[in-house]
Structures are given as C-alpha cells and as structure tokens.
Amino acid sequence: MNAFRTTWIPAMLCLALIGGLSSCNKNNNPAGAKVKQPFSGNKYESNAAWFRGTGVGVSQAQNIARSKADLDAKNQLAAQVKTNIRAVTDQYLGQTENVNAADVADKFQTLVREVMDTEIADLRKFDEELRFNETTKDYTMYVAYEIKKNAMFRFMKKQA
C-alpha cells in the first residue's frame, strides 16, 4: 500500500496537471481559427501616399476568376475615393378576400445600396497570384492595384 501511495498517486497527479495545462494552451476562440490571407499586410493597405485595393476571385474558369478579382479590387479602390450610400424602403400591402374572411399581408423591406460613380486614373496592378485547387478544380486569383493619391486628386480636380 505504501508503494502505491509513493508511485501511483504522484504519477496520476502529474498526468492530471499536464492534461489540465495543455488544455489551457489551446486557443478555443468561438469565432474559429485565424486564417492567414494572401495579399494582406502593410504592403497591400492604403496609406498617406497610395490608395490600394486587393481582390479575390474563384471560379472553375481562369478568365472568370481573374475578372472577379479585378472587379473586387477596383471596387475597393473606388469605395476609398468616393462613395454614396442610398437607402430604399418599400412596404407592400395586399389583401385577398373570399366570402367568409379576408387575408391581409404586409411586407416591409429595406435595401441599402452603396453606389460608386468614380473614374479612376493612374491605376497600376502591382501584384497578382494564381492558384489552382486540384480537388475542387477551382482557380483562385489574387490581385492588388494601387493609385498614387496625388495623381488621383489632380485627375479629380481636372474633372471638376
């Protein structure tokens, strides 16, 4: 009985302590694991001198993936330069009647839309990357565009 106390009890306590400590190190974030995205970081963010935008496009056709990525990146750039927010609210009322009763339906719907009417000048693509997933047979295209702020502001001043 004495050997049991001196060897087994400390061993079990040690295992329990190690198991408890290892579970404390696990990052159990309810939002999930952090994903490292390509084309992220300071090099791809706008700063005092540059408007920058990145885009991602996924498709089974390479040209469609490229077009989606281009559109996404240019959309980000245009939103940084000038954006208008428009809201449309609709209320639909309907009534259906029969001999015994009437059924009234009411539907309320709001749509908020971001509208950009921006001409872009001096646009340069400064990075792109194409990936192909063998299992899904999808192409993923990453692109990054930049516009020198001074050039864009000069262009906007000429347009005004």
C-alpha atoms as a PDB file:
ATOM      1  CA  MET A   1       0.000   0.000   0.000  1.00  0.00           C
ATOM      2  CA  ASN A   2       2.891   2.339   0.773  1.00  0.00           C
ATOM      3  CA  ALA A   3       4.437   1.772  -2.682  1.00  0.00           C
ATOM      4  CA  PHE A   4       1.073   2.586  -4.255  1.00  0.00           C
ATOM      5  CA  ARG A   5       0.968   5.923  -2.482  1.00  0.00           C
ATOM      6  CA  THR A   6       4.521   6.880  -3.321  1.00  0.00           C
ATOM      7  CA  THR A   7       4.452   5.997  -7.039  1.00  0.00           C
ATOM      8  CA  TRP A   8       0.908   5.896  -8.399  1.00  0.00           C
ATOM      9  CA  ILE A   9      -0.646   8.878  -6.670  1.00  0.00           C
ATOM     10  CA  PRO A  10       2.125  11.356  -7.697  1.00  0.00           C
ATOM     11  CA  ALA A  11       2.112   9.911 -11.223  1.00  0.00           C
ATOM     12  CA  MET A  12      -1.657  10.376 -11.543  1.00  0.00           C
ATOM     13  CA  LEU A  13      -1.470  13.912 -10.154  1.00  0.00           C
ATOM     14  CA  CYS A  14       1.310  14.733 -12.614  1.00  0.00           C
ATOM     15  CA  LEU A  15      -0.742  13.395 -15.558  1.00  0.00           C
ATOM     16  CA  ALA A  16      -3.804  15.339 -14.452  1.00  0.00           C
ATOM     17  CA  LEU A  17      -1.732  18.510 -14.103  1.00  0.00           C
ATOM     18  CA  ILE A  18      -0.160  18.078 -17.562  1.00  0.00           C
ATOM     19  CA  GLY A  19      -3.574  17.418 -19.108  1.00  0.00           C
ATOM     20  CA  GLY A  20      -5.035  20.481 -17.439  1.00  0.00           C
ATOM     21  CA  LEU A  21      -2.170  22.728 -18.513  1.00  0.00           C
ATOM     22  CA  SER A  22      -2.229  21.504 -22.101  1.00  0.00           C
ATOM     23  CA  SER A  23      -5.942  22.254 -22.356  1.00  0.00           C
ATOM     24  CA  CYS A  24      -5.273  25.801 -21.118  1.00  0.00           C
ATOM     25  CA  ASN A  25      -2.869  26.426 -24.009  1.00  0.00           C
ATOM     26  CA  LYS A  26      -5.446  25.618 -26.670  1.00  0.00           C
ATOM     27  CA  ASN A  27      -6.974  28.671 -28.280  1.00  0.00           C
ATOM     28  CA  ASN A  28     -10.699  27.982 -28.078  1.00  0.00           C
ATOM     29  CA  ASN A  29     -11.897  31.116 -29.810  1.00  0.00           C
ATOM     30  CA  PRO A  30     -15.636  30.880 -30.536  1.00  0.00           C
ATOM     31  CA  ALA A  31     -15.083  32.613 -33.890  1.00  0.00           C
ATOM     32  CA  GLY A  32     -12.704  29.864 -35.038  1.00  0.00           C
ATOM     33  CA  ALA A  33      -9.085  29.747 -36.073  1.00  0.00           C
ATOM     34  CA  LYS A  34      -7.339  32.782 -37.533  1.00  0.00           C
ATOM     35  CA  VAL A  35      -6.754  32.499 -41.280  1.00  0.00           C
ATOM     36  CA  LYS A  36      -3.678  33.995 -42.959  1.00  0.00           C
ATOM     37  CA  GLN A  37      -4.938  35.559 -46.188  1.00  0.00           C
ATOM     38  CA  PRO A  38      -2.661  36.157 -49.147  1.00  0.00           C
ATOM     39  CA  PHE A  39      -2.312  39.804 -50.122  1.00  0.00           C
ATOM     40  CA  SER A  40      -2.774  41.112 -46.595  1.00  0.00           C
ATOM     41  CA  GLY A  41      -0.497  43.278 -44.503  1.00  0.00           C
ATOM     42  CA  ASN A  42       1.008  46.753 -44.786  1.00  0.00           C
ATOM     43  CA  LYS A  43       2.179  46.276 -48.376  1.00  0.00           C
ATOM     44  CA  TYR A  44      -1.443  45.874 -49.508  1.00  0.00           C
ATOM     45  CA  GLU A  45      -3.096  48.571 -47.368  1.00  0.00           C
ATOM     46  CA  SER A  46      -3.739  52.184 -48.289  1.00  0.00           C
ATOM     47  CA  ASN A  47      -1.512  54.779 -46.682  1.00  0.00           C
ATOM     48  CA  ALA A  48      -0.757  58.510 -46.967  1.00  0.00           C
ATOM     49  CA  ALA A  49       0.659  58.166 -50.497  1.00  0.00           C
ATOM     50  CA  TRP A  50      -1.361  55.333 -52.069  1.00  0.00           C
ATOM     51  CA  PHE A  51      -4.915  54.104 -52.479  1.00  0.00           C
ATOM     52  CA  ARG A  52      -4.656  50.304 -52.545  1.00  0.00           C
ATOM     53  CA  GLY A  53      -7.199  47.577 -53.138  1.00  0.00           C
ATOM     54  CA  THR A  54      -6.985  43.809 -53.278  1.00  0.00           C
ATOM     55  CA  GLY A  55      -9.357  41.368 -54.871  1.00  0.00           C
ATOM     56  CA  VAL A  56     -10.036  37.652 -54.843  1.00  0.00           C
ATOM     57  CA  GLY A  57     -11.872  35.691 -57.497  1.00  0.00           C
ATOM     58  CA  VAL A  58     -12.720  31.987 -57.501  1.00  0.00           C
ATOM     59  CA  SER A  59     -14.050  30.070 -60.484  1.00  0.00           C
ATOM     60  CA  GLN A  60     -13.538  26.905 -62.462  1.00  0.00           C
ATOM     61  CA  ALA A  61     -12.652  29.119 -65.426  1.00  0.00           C
ATOM     62  CA  GLN A  62      -9.388  31.013 -65.117  1.00  0.00           C
ATOM     63  CA  ASN A  63     -10.575  34.102 -67.014  1.00  0.00           C
ATOM     64  CA  ILE A  64     -13.693  34.410 -64.830  1.00  0.00           C
ATOM     65  CA  ALA A  65     -11.602  34.115 -61.648  1.00  0.00           C
ATOM     66  CA  ARG A  66      -9.359  36.895 -62.988  1.00  0.00           C
ATOM     67  CA  SER A  67     -12.347  39.118 -63.856  1.00  0.00           C
ATOM     68  CA  LYS A  68     -13.906  38.626 -60.410  1.00  0.00           C
ATOM     69  CA  ALA A  69     -10.631  39.514 -58.674  1.00  0.00           C
ATOM     70  CA  ASP A  70     -10.131  42.610 -60.869  1.00  0.00           C
ATOM     71  CA  LEU A  71     -13.665  43.822 -60.182  1.00  0.00           C
ATOM     72  CA  ASP A  72     -13.307  43.228 -56.434  1.00  0.00           C
ATOM     73  CA  ALA A  73     -10.024  45.167 -56.223  1.00  0.00           C
ATOM     74  CA  LYS A  74     -11.288  48.065 -58.345  1.00  0.00           C
ATOM     75  CA  ASN A  75     -14.444  48.193 -56.225  1.00  0.00           C
ATOM     76  CA  GLN A  76     -12.316  48.607 -53.097  1.00  0.00           C
ATOM     77  CA  LEU A  77     -10.355  51.419 -54.732  1.00  0.00           C
ATOM     78  CA  ALA A  78     -13.447  53.270 -55.922  1.00  0.00           C
ATOM     79  CA  ALA A  79     -15.016  52.989 -52.460  1.00  0.00           C
ATOM     80  CA  GLN A  80     -11.966  54.663 -50.916  1.00  0.00           C
ATOM     81  CA  VAL A  81     -12.152  57.604 -53.307  1.00  0.00           C
ATOM     82  CA  LYS A  82     -15.878  58.427 -53.313  1.00  0.00           C
ATOM     83  CA  THR A  83     -18.959  56.529 -52.129  1.00  0.00           C
ATOM     84  CA  ASN A  84     -22.625  57.422 -51.800  1.00  0.00           C
ATOM     85  CA  ILE A  85     -24.993  55.418 -49.637  1.00  0.00           C
ATOM     86  CA  ARG A  86     -28.580  55.139 -50.819  1.00  0.00           C
ATOM     87  CA  ALA A  87     -31.442  53.544 -48.969  1.00  0.00           C
ATOM     88  CA  VAL A  88     -34.713  52.408 -50.462  1.00  0.00           C
ATOM     89  CA  THR A  89     -37.609  51.326 -48.285  1.00  0.00           C
ATOM     90  CA  ASP A  90     -40.668  49.588 -49.660  1.00  0.00           C
ATOM     91  CA  GLN A  91     -43.838  48.499 -47.970  1.00  0.00           C
ATOM     92  CA  TYR A  92     -46.080  46.061 -49.753  1.00  0.00           C
ATOM     93  CA  LEU A  93     -49.691  45.646 -48.688  1.00  0.00           C
ATOM     94  CA  GLY A  94     -52.000  43.057 -50.111  1.00  0.00           C
ATOM     95  CA  GLN A  95     -55.457  41.799 -49.312  1.00  0.00           C
ATOM     96  CA  THR A  96     -57.189  38.688 -50.517  1.00  0.00           C
ATOM     97  CA  GLU A  97     -60.893  38.354 -49.835  1.00  0.00           C
ATOM     98  CA  ASN A  98     -63.330  35.486 -50.015  1.00  0.00           C
ATOM     99  CA  VAL A  99     -66.928  35.090 -48.859  1.00  0.00           C
ATOM    100  CA  ASN A 100     -66.138  34.353 -45.192  1.00  0.00           C
ATOM    101  CA  ALA A 101     -62.930  36.242 -44.437  1.00  0.00           C
ATOM    102  CA  ALA A 102     -60.144  38.465 -45.660  1.00  0.00           C
ATOM    103  CA  ASP A 103     -56.443  37.753 -45.559  1.00  0.00           C
ATOM    104  CA  VAL A 104     -54.185  40.787 -45.193  1.00  0.00           C
ATOM    105  CA  ALA A 105     -50.480  40.531 -45.939  1.00  0.00           C
ATOM    106  CA  ASP A 106     -47.948  43.192 -45.059  1.00  0.00           C
ATOM    107  CA  LYS A 107     -44.313  43.103 -46.135  1.00  0.00           C
ATOM    108  CA  PHE A 108     -41.762  45.734 -45.165  1.00  0.00           C
ATOM    109  CA  GLN A 109     -38.417  45.713 -46.928  1.00  0.00           C
ATOM    110  CA  THR A 110     -35.374  47.973 -46.771  1.00  0.00           C
ATOM    111  CA  LEU A 111     -32.463  47.903 -49.187  1.00  0.00           C
ATOM    112  CA  VAL A 112     -29.274  49.826 -48.517  1.00  0.00           C
ATOM    113  CA  ARG A 113     -27.025  50.182 -51.517  1.00  0.00           C
ATOM    114  CA  GLU A 114     -23.523  51.549 -51.860  1.00  0.00           C
ATOM    115  CA  VAL A 115     -23.216  53.447 -55.129  1.00  0.00           C
ATOM    116  CA  MET A 116     -19.873  54.440 -56.591  1.00  0.00           C
ATOM    117  CA  ASP A 117     -19.535  56.658 -59.624  1.00  0.00           C
ATOM    118  CA  THR A 118     -15.796  57.144 -59.636  1.00  0.00           C
ATOM    119  CA  GLU A 119     -13.438  57.499 -62.555  1.00  0.00           C
ATOM    120  CA  ILE A 120     -10.079  56.023 -61.684  1.00  0.00           C
ATOM    121  CA  ALA A 121      -6.820  57.441 -63.048  1.00  0.00           C
ATOM    122  CA  ASP A 122      -3.258  56.112 -62.967  1.00  0.00           C
ATOM    123  CA  LEU A 123      -4.316  52.609 -61.914  1.00  0.00           C
ATOM    124  CA  ARG A 124      -1.461  50.109 -61.602  1.00  0.00           C
ATOM    125  CA  LYS A 125      -1.556  46.399 -60.851  1.00  0.00           C
ATOM    126  CA  PHE A 126       1.361  45.790 -58.517  1.00  0.00           C
ATOM    127  CA  ASP A 127       0.847  42.145 -57.588  1.00  0.00           C
ATOM    128  CA  GLU A 128      -1.072  39.090 -58.738  1.00  0.00           C
ATOM    129  CA  GLU A 129      -1.104  35.397 -57.928  1.00  0.00           C
ATOM    130  CA  LEU A 130      -2.994  32.490 -59.476  1.00  0.00           C
ATOM    131  CA  ARG A 131      -3.647  29.227 -57.620  1.00  0.00           C
ATOM    132  CA  PHE A 132      -5.314  26.011 -58.760  1.00  0.00           C
ATOM    133  CA  ASN A 133      -7.024  23.591 -56.354  1.00  0.00           C
ATOM    134  CA  GLU A 134      -6.671  20.032 -57.690  1.00  0.00           C
ATOM    135  CA  THR A 135      -9.540  18.625 -55.621  1.00  0.00           C
ATOM    136  CA  THR A 136     -12.195  21.238 -56.441  1.00  0.00           C
ATOM    137  CA  LYS A 137     -10.735  22.150 -59.875  1.00  0.00           C
ATOM    138  CA  ASP A 138     -11.119  25.836 -58.983  1.00  0.00           C
ATOM    139  CA  TYR A 139      -8.813  28.685 -59.916  1.00  0.00           C
ATOM    140  CA  THR A 140      -8.261  31.349 -57.268  1.00  0.00           C
ATOM    141  CA  MET A 141      -6.882  34.657 -58.467  1.00  0.00           C
ATOM    142  CA  TYR A 142      -5.488  37.326 -56.140  1.00  0.00           C
ATOM    143  CA  VAL A 143      -4.773  40.816 -57.495  1.00  0.00           C
ATOM    144  CA  ALA A 144      -3.629  44.072 -55.953  1.00  0.00           C
ATOM    145  CA  TYR A 145      -3.998  47.522 -57.512  1.00  0.00           C
ATOM    146  CA  GLU A 146      -2.727  50.889 -56.398  1.00  0.00           C
ATOM    147  CA  ILE A 147      -3.254  54.520 -57.328  1.00  0.00           C
ATOM    148  CA  LYS A 148      -0.938  57.309 -56.290  1.00  0.00           C
ATOM    149  CA  LYS A 149      -3.123  59.674 -54.262  1.00  0.00           C
ATOM    150  CA  ASN A 150      -1.573  62.858 -55.665  1.00  0.00           C
ATOM    151  CA  ALA A 151      -2.229  61.727 -59.241  1.00  0.00           C
ATOM    152  CA  MET A 152      -5.812  60.764 -58.410  1.00  0.00           C
ATOM    153  CA  PHE A 153      -6.515  64.091 -56.719  1.00  0.00           C
ATOM    154  CA  ARG A 154      -5.042  66.000 -59.705  1.00  0.00           C
ATOM    155  CA  PHE A 155      -7.292  63.966 -62.025  1.00  0.00           C
ATOM    156  CA  MET A 156     -10.358  64.683 -59.869  1.00  0.00           C
ATOM    157  CA  LYS A 157      -9.505  68.399 -59.808  1.00  0.00           C
ATOM    158  CA  LYS A 158      -9.361  68.448 -63.629  1.00  0.00           C
ATOM    159  CA  GLN A 159     -12.748  66.697 -63.802  1.00  0.00           C
ATOM    160  CA  ALA A 160     -14.415  69.269 -61.525  1.00  0.00           C
END
